[in-house]
Amino acid sequence: MRVTCFFVGTMVLGMLAACSDPPPSVYPTQVVYQEDSTAAATDLLEIRVAKQDQLSGDYEIEANGTFSFPYVGTVQGDGKTPEQIETEIHDKLADGYLRNPQVVVRIKERRSKKVSVFGEVRKGSIIQFADGMTIIEAISEAGGFTSRAWENAVKVTRKSDGKVAEYTVPVQSIANGSAPPFYMRPGDAVYVPKSPM
């Protein structure tokens, strides 16, 4: 009887060990990277010029990386931050068109930058990246976890500077505040594995 109890106890302990969450990776917690804040072809810009309604509006960056702006002509958008685009438009408008123009540029839709989410989510998909997007927001965009998801064993594959890194992210722990946020970057691939239980 003792042998049987010992065997059963060992099996239970083994099962519990096998089903415990994997140790999370030490992952970066930086919110925004400079290279991720630049615009690219197909992105939609929202440009506002104070007291100039005819100039204000949405402008799409064309496939060649440029867009046309009234009085300014061709503006390079690809590879530039909103602040750099602001400066160029401001300087050209101030050169004989408007006195001290107040220009504000923001990226309204990052159509060029994507994040993929698949595995145990309700609708695996490729979603648009947004500045400051967290892994919780990305999974939410994919419909959220299924009932079979291993929420503290989520894998994120990231390519940066020609290198590939993989992180084990404890999403459930992040959601309840016991782990720091994980911020997405363009091109990240999120995989939600099936729970062993």
N, C-alpha and C. Protein backbone atom coordinates (compact mmCIF):
# COMPACT_ATOMS: atom_id res chain seq x y z
N MET A 1 0.84 -1.20 0.00
CA MET A 1 0.00 0.00 0.00
C MET A 1 0.86 1.24 0.00
N ARG A 2 1.93 1.19 0.79
CA ARG A 2 2.84 2.32 0.86
C ARG A 2 3.48 2.59 -0.50
N VAL A 3 3.84 1.48 -1.17
CA VAL A 3 4.48 1.61 -2.49
C VAL A 3 3.52 2.26 -3.46
N THR A 4 2.25 1.80 -3.44
CA THR A 4 1.23 2.36 -4.33
C THR A 4 1.03 3.84 -4.05
N CYS A 5 0.90 4.20 -2.77
CA CYS A 5 0.70 5.60 -2.39
C CYS A 5 1.89 6.45 -2.83
N PHE A 6 3.08 5.91 -2.63
CA PHE A 6 4.29 6.64 -3.03
C PHE A 6 4.28 6.86 -4.54
N PHE A 7 3.89 5.81 -5.30
CA PHE A 7 3.87 5.90 -6.76
C PHE A 7 2.86 6.96 -7.23
N VAL A 8 1.65 6.91 -6.61
CA VAL A 8 0.61 7.87 -6.98
C VAL A 8 1.04 9.28 -6.62
N GLY A 9 1.62 9.44 -5.44
CA GLY A 9 2.10 10.75 -5.01
C GLY A 9 3.16 11.29 -5.95
N THR A 10 4.05 10.43 -6.38
CA THR A 10 5.11 10.84 -7.31
C THR A 10 4.50 11.28 -8.63
N MET A 11 3.49 10.53 -9.09
CA MET A 11 2.83 10.90 -10.35
C MET A 11 2.17 12.27 -10.26
N VAL A 12 1.48 12.52 -9.13
CA VAL A 12 0.80 13.81 -8.95
C VAL A 12 1.81 14.94 -8.94
N LEU A 13 2.90 14.75 -8.20
CA LEU A 13 3.94 15.78 -8.16
C LEU A 13 4.53 16.00 -9.53
N GLY A 14 4.73 14.93 -10.28
CA GLY A 14 5.27 15.04 -11.63
C GLY A 14 4.34 15.81 -12.54
N MET A 15 3.03 15.52 -12.41
CA MET A 15 2.05 16.22 -13.24
C MET A 15 2.01 17.71 -12.90
N LEU A 16 2.06 18.03 -11.61
CA LEU A 16 2.04 19.42 -11.19
C LEU A 16 3.27 20.16 -11.71
N ALA A 17 4.41 19.49 -11.64
CA ALA A 17 5.65 20.11 -12.14
C ALA A 17 5.57 20.35 -13.63
N ALA A 18 4.99 19.34 -14.33
CA ALA A 18 4.90 19.46 -15.79
C ALA A 18 3.96 20.58 -16.21
N CYS A 19 2.94 20.86 -15.36
CA CYS A 19 1.92 21.84 -15.73
C CYS A 19 2.19 23.23 -15.18
N SER A 20 3.23 23.39 -14.39
CA SER A 20 3.53 24.72 -13.86
C SER A 20 3.99 25.63 -15.00
N ASP A 21 3.79 26.91 -14.80
CA ASP A 21 4.17 27.88 -15.83
C ASP A 21 5.68 27.88 -16.04
N PRO A 22 6.12 28.06 -17.28
CA PRO A 22 7.56 28.15 -17.54
C PRO A 22 8.10 29.47 -16.98
N PRO A 23 9.38 29.52 -16.65
CA PRO A 23 9.92 30.79 -16.15
C PRO A 23 9.86 31.86 -17.24
N PRO A 24 9.40 33.06 -16.91
CA PRO A 24 9.33 34.12 -17.93
C PRO A 24 10.72 34.59 -18.31
N SER A 25 10.82 35.13 -19.51
CA SER A 25 12.09 35.70 -19.97
C SER A 25 12.30 37.06 -19.32
N VAL A 26 13.54 37.48 -19.29
CA VAL A 26 13.83 38.88 -18.97
C VAL A 26 13.61 39.62 -20.28
N TYR A 27 12.56 40.41 -20.35
CA TYR A 27 12.20 41.05 -21.61
C TYR A 27 12.31 42.56 -21.51
N PRO A 28 12.52 43.22 -22.66
CA PRO A 28 12.63 44.69 -22.64
C PRO A 28 11.29 45.32 -22.29
N THR A 29 11.34 46.44 -21.57
CA THR A 29 10.11 47.14 -21.18
C THR A 29 10.06 48.55 -21.76
N GLN A 30 10.92 48.82 -22.73
CA GLN A 30 10.91 50.13 -23.38
C GLN A 30 9.62 50.29 -24.19
N VAL A 31 8.97 51.44 -24.07
CA VAL A 31 7.68 51.65 -24.72
C VAL A 31 7.84 51.92 -26.21
N VAL A 32 8.71 52.86 -26.56
CA VAL A 32 8.84 53.28 -27.95
C VAL A 32 10.31 53.25 -28.36
N TYR A 33 10.58 52.73 -29.53
CA TYR A 33 11.91 52.76 -30.11
C TYR A 33 11.90 53.77 -31.25
N GLN A 34 12.96 54.53 -31.38
CA GLN A 34 13.03 55.58 -32.38
C GLN A 34 12.69 55.08 -33.77
N GLU A 35 13.25 53.93 -34.15
CA GLU A 35 13.03 53.42 -35.50
C GLU A 35 11.59 52.97 -35.73
N ASP A 36 10.86 52.68 -34.64
CA ASP A 36 9.47 52.27 -34.78
C ASP A 36 8.53 53.45 -34.94
N SER A 37 9.02 54.65 -34.65
CA SER A 37 8.16 55.83 -34.70
C SER A 37 8.19 56.52 -36.05
N THR A 38 8.96 55.97 -36.99
CA THR A 38 9.02 56.57 -38.31
C THR A 38 7.86 56.11 -39.18
N ALA A 39 7.51 56.95 -40.14
CA ALA A 39 6.45 56.61 -41.09
C ALA A 39 7.03 55.79 -42.24
N ALA A 40 6.13 55.19 -43.01
CA ALA A 40 6.56 54.39 -44.16
C ALA A 40 5.47 54.42 -45.22
N ALA A 41 5.80 53.89 -46.40
CA ALA A 41 4.85 53.84 -47.51
C ALA A 41 3.56 53.16 -47.07
N THR A 42 2.45 53.69 -47.50
CA THR A 42 1.06 53.27 -47.23
C THR A 42 0.52 53.80 -45.90
N ASP A 43 1.38 54.36 -45.04
CA ASP A 43 0.87 54.92 -43.79
C ASP A 43 0.00 56.15 -44.09
N LEU A 44 -0.98 56.37 -43.22
CA LEU A 44 -1.86 57.53 -43.37
C LEU A 44 -1.50 58.57 -42.32
N LEU A 45 -1.17 59.77 -42.78
CA LEU A 45 -0.80 60.87 -41.89
C LEU A 45 -1.99 61.81 -41.70
N GLU A 46 -2.12 62.30 -40.49
CA GLU A 46 -3.08 63.38 -40.23
C GLU A 46 -2.26 64.65 -40.00
N ILE A 47 -2.47 65.63 -40.85
CA ILE A 47 -1.69 66.88 -40.79
C ILE A 47 -2.65 68.04 -40.54
N ARG A 48 -2.35 68.81 -39.51
CA ARG A 48 -3.15 69.98 -39.17
C ARG A 48 -2.27 71.23 -39.20
N VAL A 49 -2.78 72.24 -39.89
CA VAL A 49 -2.11 73.55 -39.90
C VAL A 49 -3.09 74.54 -39.28
N ALA A 50 -2.71 75.17 -38.19
CA ALA A 50 -3.60 76.05 -37.44
C ALA A 50 -4.19 77.14 -38.33
N LYS A 51 -5.52 77.28 -38.25
CA LYS A 51 -6.27 78.31 -38.98
C LYS A 51 -6.15 78.16 -40.50
N GLN A 52 -5.82 76.95 -40.95
CA GLN A 52 -5.70 76.69 -42.40
C GLN A 52 -6.45 75.39 -42.72
N ASP A 53 -7.78 75.49 -42.70
CA ASP A 53 -8.59 74.28 -42.91
C ASP A 53 -8.35 73.64 -44.27
N GLN A 54 -8.02 74.47 -45.28
CA GLN A 54 -7.82 73.94 -46.63
C GLN A 54 -6.53 73.12 -46.74
N LEU A 55 -5.64 73.29 -45.79
CA LEU A 55 -4.39 72.52 -45.79
C LEU A 55 -4.48 71.29 -44.88
N SER A 56 -5.33 71.37 -43.90
CA SER A 56 -5.44 70.30 -42.91
C SER A 56 -6.22 69.11 -43.47
N GLY A 57 -5.77 67.91 -43.13
CA GLY A 57 -6.46 66.71 -43.60
C GLY A 57 -5.58 65.48 -43.49
N ASP A 58 -6.04 64.39 -44.11
CA ASP A 58 -5.31 63.13 -44.11
C ASP A 58 -4.53 62.99 -45.42
N TYR A 59 -3.30 62.53 -45.30
CA TYR A 59 -2.42 62.37 -46.47
C TYR A 59 -1.78 60.99 -46.41
N GLU A 60 -1.95 60.22 -47.48
CA GLU A 60 -1.35 58.88 -47.54
C GLU A 60 0.02 58.94 -48.19
N ILE A 61 0.97 58.27 -47.58
CA ILE A 61 2.31 58.18 -48.16
C ILE A 61 2.26 57.16 -49.30
N GLU A 62 2.67 57.57 -50.46
CA GLU A 62 2.59 56.71 -51.64
C GLU A 62 3.66 55.62 -51.60
N ALA A 63 3.57 54.70 -52.56
CA ALA A 63 4.50 53.57 -52.61
C ALA A 63 5.96 54.00 -52.74
N ASN A 64 6.18 55.19 -53.35
CA ASN A 64 7.56 55.69 -53.50
C ASN A 64 8.06 56.40 -52.26
N GLY A 65 7.25 56.43 -51.20
CA GLY A 65 7.70 57.01 -49.93
C GLY A 65 7.42 58.49 -49.78
N THR A 66 6.72 59.11 -50.73
CA THR A 66 6.46 60.55 -50.66
C THR A 66 4.95 60.82 -50.69
N PHE A 67 4.60 62.08 -50.40
CA PHE A 67 3.22 62.53 -50.58
C PHE A 67 3.27 63.99 -50.99
N SER A 68 2.18 64.46 -51.57
CA SER A 68 2.12 65.84 -52.05
C SER A 68 1.35 66.69 -51.06
N PHE A 69 1.89 67.88 -50.73
CA PHE A 69 1.25 68.78 -49.80
C PHE A 69 1.10 70.16 -50.45
N PRO A 70 -0.08 70.80 -50.31
CA PRO A 70 -0.31 72.09 -50.96
C PRO A 70 0.76 73.13 -50.61
N TYR A 71 1.17 73.88 -51.62
CA TYR A 71 2.19 74.94 -51.53
C TYR A 71 3.60 74.40 -51.30
N VAL A 72 3.70 73.16 -50.83
CA VAL A 72 4.99 72.59 -50.48
C VAL A 72 5.51 71.70 -51.59
N GLY A 73 4.59 70.94 -52.20
CA GLY A 73 5.00 70.00 -53.24
C GLY A 73 5.27 68.63 -52.64
N THR A 74 6.27 67.96 -53.15
CA THR A 74 6.58 66.60 -52.72
C THR A 74 7.31 66.60 -51.37
N VAL A 75 6.79 65.79 -50.45
CA VAL A 75 7.39 65.67 -49.12
C VAL A 75 7.80 64.21 -48.90
N GLN A 76 9.01 64.00 -48.44
CA GLN A 76 9.47 62.65 -48.13
C GLN A 76 8.88 62.22 -46.79
N GLY A 77 8.14 61.11 -46.79
CA GLY A 77 7.54 60.63 -45.54
C GLY A 77 8.20 59.37 -45.03
N ASP A 78 8.57 58.48 -45.94
CA ASP A 78 9.16 57.20 -45.57
C ASP A 78 10.45 57.40 -44.79
N GLY A 79 10.54 56.78 -43.61
CA GLY A 79 11.76 56.84 -42.81
C GLY A 79 11.87 58.07 -41.94
N LYS A 80 10.85 58.91 -41.92
CA LYS A 80 10.89 60.12 -41.10
C LYS A 80 9.87 60.03 -39.96
N THR A 81 10.20 60.67 -38.85
CA THR A 81 9.27 60.74 -37.73
C THR A 81 8.26 61.85 -38.02
N PRO A 82 7.12 61.84 -37.33
CA PRO A 82 6.16 62.94 -37.50
C PRO A 82 6.78 64.30 -37.24
N GLU A 83 7.68 64.36 -36.27
CA GLU A 83 8.32 65.63 -35.94
C GLU A 83 9.19 66.13 -37.10
N GLN A 84 9.88 65.23 -37.77
CA GLN A 84 10.71 65.61 -38.91
C GLN A 84 9.85 66.09 -40.08
N ILE A 85 8.71 65.43 -40.28
CA ILE A 85 7.79 65.85 -41.35
C ILE A 85 7.20 67.23 -41.01
N GLU A 86 6.85 67.42 -39.75
CA GLU A 86 6.36 68.72 -39.29
C GLU A 86 7.34 69.83 -39.63
N THR A 87 8.61 69.59 -39.32
CA THR A 87 9.64 70.60 -39.54
C THR A 87 9.77 70.95 -41.01
N GLU A 88 9.76 69.93 -41.86
CA GLU A 88 9.89 70.19 -43.30
C GLU A 88 8.71 71.01 -43.83
N ILE A 89 7.50 70.62 -43.44
CA ILE A 89 6.33 71.36 -43.92
C ILE A 89 6.32 72.78 -43.36
N HIS A 90 6.65 72.92 -42.08
CA HIS A 90 6.71 74.24 -41.46
C HIS A 90 7.68 75.15 -42.20
N ASP A 91 8.88 74.65 -42.44
CA ASP A 91 9.92 75.47 -43.07
C ASP A 91 9.52 75.90 -44.48
N LYS A 92 8.92 74.99 -45.22
CA LYS A 92 8.55 75.33 -46.60
C LYS A 92 7.34 76.26 -46.66
N LEU A 93 6.39 76.08 -45.74
CA LEU A 93 5.25 77.00 -45.68
C LEU A 93 5.70 78.39 -45.23
N ALA A 94 6.66 78.44 -44.33
CA ALA A 94 7.16 79.73 -43.82
C ALA A 94 7.98 80.47 -44.86
N ASP A 95 8.42 79.74 -45.88
CA ASP A 95 9.25 80.35 -46.93
C ASP A 95 8.37 81.02 -47.99
N GLY A 96 7.63 82.05 -47.56
CA GLY A 96 6.88 82.86 -48.51
C GLY A 96 5.40 82.58 -48.58
N TYR A 97 4.88 81.63 -47.80
CA TYR A 97 3.45 81.31 -47.87
C TYR A 97 2.69 81.73 -46.61
N LEU A 98 3.17 81.32 -45.45
CA LEU A 98 2.49 81.64 -44.19
C LEU A 98 3.49 82.17 -43.17
N ARG A 99 3.00 83.07 -42.33
CA ARG A 99 3.87 83.60 -41.27
C ARG A 99 3.75 82.71 -40.04
N ASN A 100 4.86 82.15 -39.64
CA ASN A 100 4.94 81.28 -38.46
C ASN A 100 3.83 80.22 -38.43
N PRO A 101 3.77 79.34 -39.43
CA PRO A 101 2.73 78.31 -39.46
C PRO A 101 2.87 77.32 -38.30
N GLN A 102 1.74 76.94 -37.74
CA GLN A 102 1.72 75.95 -36.66
C GLN A 102 1.28 74.62 -37.26
N VAL A 103 2.21 73.68 -37.37
CA VAL A 103 1.96 72.41 -38.04
C VAL A 103 2.04 71.25 -37.03
N VAL A 104 1.06 70.37 -37.09
CA VAL A 104 1.07 69.17 -36.26
C VAL A 104 0.85 67.96 -37.17
N VAL A 105 1.74 66.97 -37.04
CA VAL A 105 1.64 65.75 -37.84
C VAL A 105 1.60 64.55 -36.90
N ARG A 106 0.66 63.65 -37.18
CA ARG A 106 0.66 62.38 -36.45
C ARG A 106 0.35 61.25 -37.43
N ILE A 107 0.83 60.06 -37.10
CA ILE A 107 0.53 58.91 -37.95
C ILE A 107 -0.82 58.36 -37.52
N LYS A 108 -1.81 58.54 -38.38
CA LYS A 108 -3.18 58.14 -38.05
C LYS A 108 -3.37 56.64 -38.18
N GLU A 109 -2.78 56.05 -39.22
CA GLU A 109 -2.85 54.60 -39.41
C GLU A 109 -1.49 54.09 -39.85
N ARG A 110 -0.95 53.15 -39.08
CA ARG A 110 0.34 52.55 -39.42
C ARG A 110 0.09 51.32 -40.29
N ARG A 111 -0.31 51.55 -41.52
CA ARG A 111 -0.65 50.45 -42.40
C ARG A 111 0.57 49.61 -42.78
N SER A 112 1.75 50.18 -42.66
CA SER A 112 2.97 49.49 -43.09
C SER A 112 3.52 48.56 -42.03
N LYS A 113 3.13 48.75 -40.77
CA LYS A 113 3.73 47.99 -39.68
C LYS A 113 2.68 47.05 -39.09
N LYS A 114 3.07 45.77 -38.96
CA LYS A 114 2.12 44.73 -38.56
C LYS A 114 2.69 43.89 -37.41
N VAL A 115 1.77 43.22 -36.71
CA VAL A 115 2.08 42.25 -35.67
C VAL A 115 1.21 41.03 -35.93
N SER A 116 1.76 39.84 -35.84
CA SER A 116 0.95 38.63 -36.04
C SER A 116 0.68 37.95 -34.71
N VAL A 117 -0.54 37.45 -34.56
CA VAL A 117 -0.95 36.75 -33.33
C VAL A 117 -1.65 35.46 -33.75
N PHE A 118 -1.17 34.32 -33.26
CA PHE A 118 -1.78 33.05 -33.64
C PHE A 118 -1.65 32.05 -32.50
N GLY A 119 -2.17 30.85 -32.71
CA GLY A 119 -2.21 29.85 -31.64
C GLY A 119 -3.56 29.87 -30.97
N GLU A 120 -3.59 29.78 -29.64
CA GLU A 120 -4.84 29.68 -28.90
C GLU A 120 -5.47 31.06 -28.64
N VAL A 121 -5.83 31.72 -29.75
CA VAL A 121 -6.61 32.95 -29.71
C VAL A 121 -7.85 32.73 -30.57
N ARG A 122 -8.86 33.56 -30.37
CA ARG A 122 -10.14 33.32 -31.04
C ARG A 122 -10.09 33.59 -32.54
N LYS A 123 -9.26 34.49 -32.97
CA LYS A 123 -9.13 34.74 -34.41
C LYS A 123 -7.70 35.14 -34.73
N GLY A 124 -6.86 34.12 -34.95
CA GLY A 124 -5.48 34.38 -35.31
C GLY A 124 -5.41 35.31 -36.51
N SER A 125 -4.59 36.32 -36.42
CA SER A 125 -4.60 37.32 -37.48
C SER A 125 -3.34 38.16 -37.47
N ILE A 126 -3.20 38.94 -38.54
CA ILE A 126 -2.14 39.94 -38.63
C ILE A 126 -2.82 41.28 -38.39
N ILE A 127 -2.35 42.01 -37.40
CA ILE A 127 -3.00 43.25 -37.00
C ILE A 127 -2.05 44.43 -37.20
N GLN A 128 -2.63 45.61 -37.25
CA GLN A 128 -1.82 46.81 -37.41
C GLN A 128 -1.13 47.15 -36.09
N PHE A 129 0.15 47.48 -36.19
CA PHE A 129 0.90 47.93 -35.04
C PHE A 129 0.50 49.37 -34.71
N ALA A 130 0.44 49.67 -33.42
CA ALA A 130 0.17 51.04 -32.98
C ALA A 130 1.20 51.41 -31.92
N ASP A 131 1.59 52.67 -31.90
CA ASP A 131 2.57 53.13 -30.91
C ASP A 131 2.11 52.77 -29.50
N GLY A 132 3.00 52.20 -28.71
CA GLY A 132 2.67 51.87 -27.33
C GLY A 132 1.81 50.64 -27.16
N MET A 133 1.60 49.86 -28.23
CA MET A 133 0.76 48.66 -28.14
C MET A 133 1.40 47.64 -27.19
N THR A 134 0.59 47.11 -26.27
CA THR A 134 1.05 46.07 -25.36
C THR A 134 0.64 44.70 -25.89
N ILE A 135 1.22 43.67 -25.32
CA ILE A 135 0.87 42.32 -25.75
C ILE A 135 -0.58 42.00 -25.41
N ILE A 136 -1.09 42.57 -24.33
CA ILE A 136 -2.50 42.36 -23.97
C ILE A 136 -3.41 42.96 -25.04
N GLU A 137 -3.05 44.15 -25.52
CA GLU A 137 -3.84 44.79 -26.58
C GLU A 137 -3.78 43.99 -27.88
N ALA A 138 -2.60 43.46 -28.19
CA ALA A 138 -2.45 42.67 -29.42
C ALA A 138 -3.31 41.42 -29.37
N ILE A 139 -3.30 40.72 -28.23
CA ILE A 139 -4.10 39.51 -28.08
C ILE A 139 -5.59 39.85 -28.10
N SER A 140 -5.94 40.98 -27.52
CA SER A 140 -7.33 41.43 -27.54
C SER A 140 -7.80 41.68 -28.98
N GLU A 141 -6.91 42.27 -29.79
CA GLU A 141 -7.24 42.52 -31.21
C GLU A 141 -7.50 41.20 -31.94
N ALA A 142 -6.87 40.13 -31.46
CA ALA A 142 -7.05 38.81 -32.08
C ALA A 142 -8.20 38.04 -31.44
N GLY A 143 -9.06 38.73 -30.70
CA GLY A 143 -10.25 38.11 -30.13
C GLY A 143 -10.08 37.58 -28.72
N GLY A 144 -8.86 37.69 -28.17
CA GLY A 144 -8.62 37.19 -26.82
C GLY A 144 -8.24 35.71 -26.81
N PHE A 145 -7.91 35.23 -25.62
CA PHE A 145 -7.52 33.83 -25.45
C PHE A 145 -8.71 32.89 -25.64
N THR A 146 -8.41 31.67 -26.09
CA THR A 146 -9.41 30.61 -26.04
C THR A 146 -9.36 30.00 -24.64
N SER A 147 -10.29 29.10 -24.35
CA SER A 147 -10.33 28.46 -23.03
C SER A 147 -9.16 27.51 -22.84
N ARG A 148 -8.47 27.17 -23.92
CA ARG A 148 -7.34 26.21 -23.85
C ARG A 148 -5.99 26.91 -23.77
N ALA A 149 -5.96 28.23 -23.76
CA ALA A 149 -4.70 28.98 -23.85
C ALA A 149 -3.85 28.83 -22.58
N TRP A 150 -2.56 28.74 -22.79
CA TRP A 150 -1.59 28.75 -21.68
C TRP A 150 -1.13 30.20 -21.56
N GLU A 151 -1.82 30.95 -20.74
CA GLU A 151 -1.70 32.41 -20.73
C GLU A 151 -0.37 32.92 -20.19
N ASN A 152 0.32 32.12 -19.41
CA ASN A 152 1.61 32.55 -18.87
C ASN A 152 2.79 31.93 -19.60
N ALA A 153 2.52 31.37 -20.78
CA ALA A 153 3.60 30.74 -21.55
C ALA A 153 3.63 31.27 -22.98
N VAL A 154 3.15 32.48 -23.18
CA VAL A 154 3.05 33.06 -24.53
C VAL A 154 4.45 33.33 -25.08
N LYS A 155 4.66 32.95 -26.32
CA LYS A 155 5.96 33.15 -26.97
C LYS A 155 5.90 34.33 -27.94
N VAL A 156 6.91 35.18 -27.88
CA VAL A 156 7.03 36.28 -28.83
C VAL A 156 8.36 36.16 -29.54
N THR A 157 8.31 36.10 -30.86
CA THR A 157 9.52 36.07 -31.68
C THR A 157 9.73 37.44 -32.28
N ARG A 158 10.92 37.98 -32.10
CA ARG A 158 11.22 39.34 -32.53
C ARG A 158 12.54 39.37 -33.32
N LYS A 159 12.47 40.01 -34.49
CA LYS A 159 13.67 40.20 -35.29
C LYS A 159 14.10 41.66 -35.19
N SER A 160 15.37 41.85 -34.89
CA SER A 160 15.89 43.21 -34.74
C SER A 160 17.38 43.22 -35.07
N ASP A 161 17.75 44.13 -35.97
CA ASP A 161 19.16 44.26 -36.38
C ASP A 161 19.74 42.94 -36.87
N GLY A 162 18.95 42.17 -37.60
CA GLY A 162 19.42 40.92 -38.17
C GLY A 162 19.48 39.76 -37.18
N LYS A 163 19.03 39.99 -35.95
CA LYS A 163 19.04 38.94 -34.94
C LYS A 163 17.61 38.56 -34.57
N VAL A 164 17.45 37.31 -34.14
CA VAL A 164 16.13 36.83 -33.73
C VAL A 164 16.16 36.52 -32.24
N ALA A 165 15.20 37.07 -31.51
CA ALA A 165 15.08 36.80 -30.08
C ALA A 165 13.70 36.21 -29.81
N GLU A 166 13.63 35.31 -28.84
CA GLU A 166 12.35 34.73 -28.44
C GLU A 166 12.15 34.95 -26.95
N TYR A 167 10.96 35.44 -26.59
CA TYR A 167 10.65 35.72 -25.20
C TYR A 167 9.46 34.88 -24.75
N THR A 168 9.53 34.38 -23.52
CA THR A 168 8.38 33.75 -22.88
C THR A 168 7.74 34.81 -22.00
N VAL A 169 6.50 35.17 -22.34
CA VAL A 169 5.86 36.32 -21.71
C VAL A 169 4.68 35.86 -20.84
N PRO A 170 4.69 36.21 -19.55
CA PRO A 170 3.61 35.80 -18.64
C PRO A 170 2.42 36.77 -18.73
N VAL A 171 1.61 36.59 -19.76
CA VAL A 171 0.53 37.56 -20.02
C VAL A 171 -0.47 37.63 -18.88
N GLN A 172 -0.81 36.49 -18.29
CA GLN A 172 -1.76 36.49 -17.17
C GLN A 172 -1.19 37.30 -16.00
N SER A 173 0.11 37.12 -15.73
CA SER A 173 0.75 37.86 -14.64
C SER A 173 0.81 39.36 -14.95
N ILE A 174 1.01 39.70 -16.22
CA ILE A 174 1.00 41.10 -16.61
C ILE A 174 -0.39 41.70 -16.38
N ALA A 175 -1.42 40.93 -16.74
CA ALA A 175 -2.79 41.41 -16.60
C ALA A 175 -3.17 41.67 -15.15
N ASN A 176 -2.64 40.84 -14.23
CA ASN A 176 -3.01 41.07 -12.83
C ASN A 176 -2.01 41.96 -12.10
N GLY A 177 -1.06 42.52 -12.85
CA GLY A 177 -0.16 43.52 -12.27
C GLY A 177 1.06 42.97 -11.56
N SER A 178 1.31 41.66 -11.66
CA SER A 178 2.45 41.08 -10.96
C SER A 178 3.69 40.94 -11.86
N ALA A 179 3.60 41.39 -13.10
CA ALA A 179 4.75 41.41 -14.02
C ALA A 179 4.68 42.70 -14.83
N PRO A 180 5.83 43.20 -15.27
CA PRO A 180 5.83 44.46 -16.03
C PRO A 180 5.22 44.29 -17.42
N PRO A 181 4.70 45.36 -18.02
CA PRO A 181 4.10 45.27 -19.36
C PRO A 181 5.12 44.82 -20.40
N PHE A 182 4.61 44.17 -21.42
CA PHE A 182 5.43 43.82 -22.58
C PHE A 182 4.91 44.62 -23.76
N TYR A 183 5.77 45.48 -24.32
CA TYR A 183 5.37 46.34 -25.43
C TYR A 183 5.77 45.72 -26.76
N MET A 184 4.83 45.75 -27.71
CA MET A 184 5.06 45.16 -29.01
C MET A 184 5.95 46.05 -29.87
N ARG A 185 6.58 45.40 -30.86
CA ARG A 185 7.32 46.12 -31.89
C ARG A 185 6.85 45.62 -33.26
N PRO A 186 6.95 46.45 -34.28
CA PRO A 186 6.54 46.01 -35.62
C PRO A 186 7.26 44.72 -36.01
N GLY A 187 6.49 43.79 -36.60
CA GLY A 187 7.08 42.53 -37.04
C GLY A 187 7.06 41.43 -36.00
N ASP A 188 6.68 41.74 -34.76
CA ASP A 188 6.61 40.71 -33.73
C ASP A 188 5.62 39.62 -34.11
N ALA A 189 5.96 38.37 -33.75
CA ALA A 189 5.05 37.24 -33.95
C ALA A 189 4.72 36.67 -32.58
N VAL A 190 3.43 36.67 -32.24
CA VAL A 190 2.96 36.19 -30.93
C VAL A 190 2.34 34.82 -31.14
N TYR A 191 2.79 33.85 -30.33
CA TYR A 191 2.21 32.50 -30.39
C TYR A 191 1.70 32.12 -29.00
N VAL A 192 0.44 31.79 -28.92
CA VAL A 192 -0.18 31.37 -27.65
C VAL A 192 -0.30 29.85 -27.67
N PRO A 193 0.47 29.14 -26.83
CA PRO A 193 0.41 27.67 -26.84
C PRO A 193 -0.82 27.15 -26.10
N LYS A 194 -1.09 25.86 -26.30
CA LYS A 194 -2.18 25.19 -25.62
C LYS A 194 -1.74 24.75 -24.24
N SER A 195 -2.59 24.95 -23.26
CA SER A 195 -2.25 24.55 -21.89
C SER A 195 -2.13 23.04 -21.81
N PRO A 196 -1.16 22.52 -21.03
CA PRO A 196 -1.03 21.07 -20.90
C PRO A 196 -2.10 20.46 -20.01
N MET A 197 -2.85 21.29 -19.31
CA MET A 197 -3.90 20.78 -18.40
C MET A 197 -5.15 20.43 -19.20
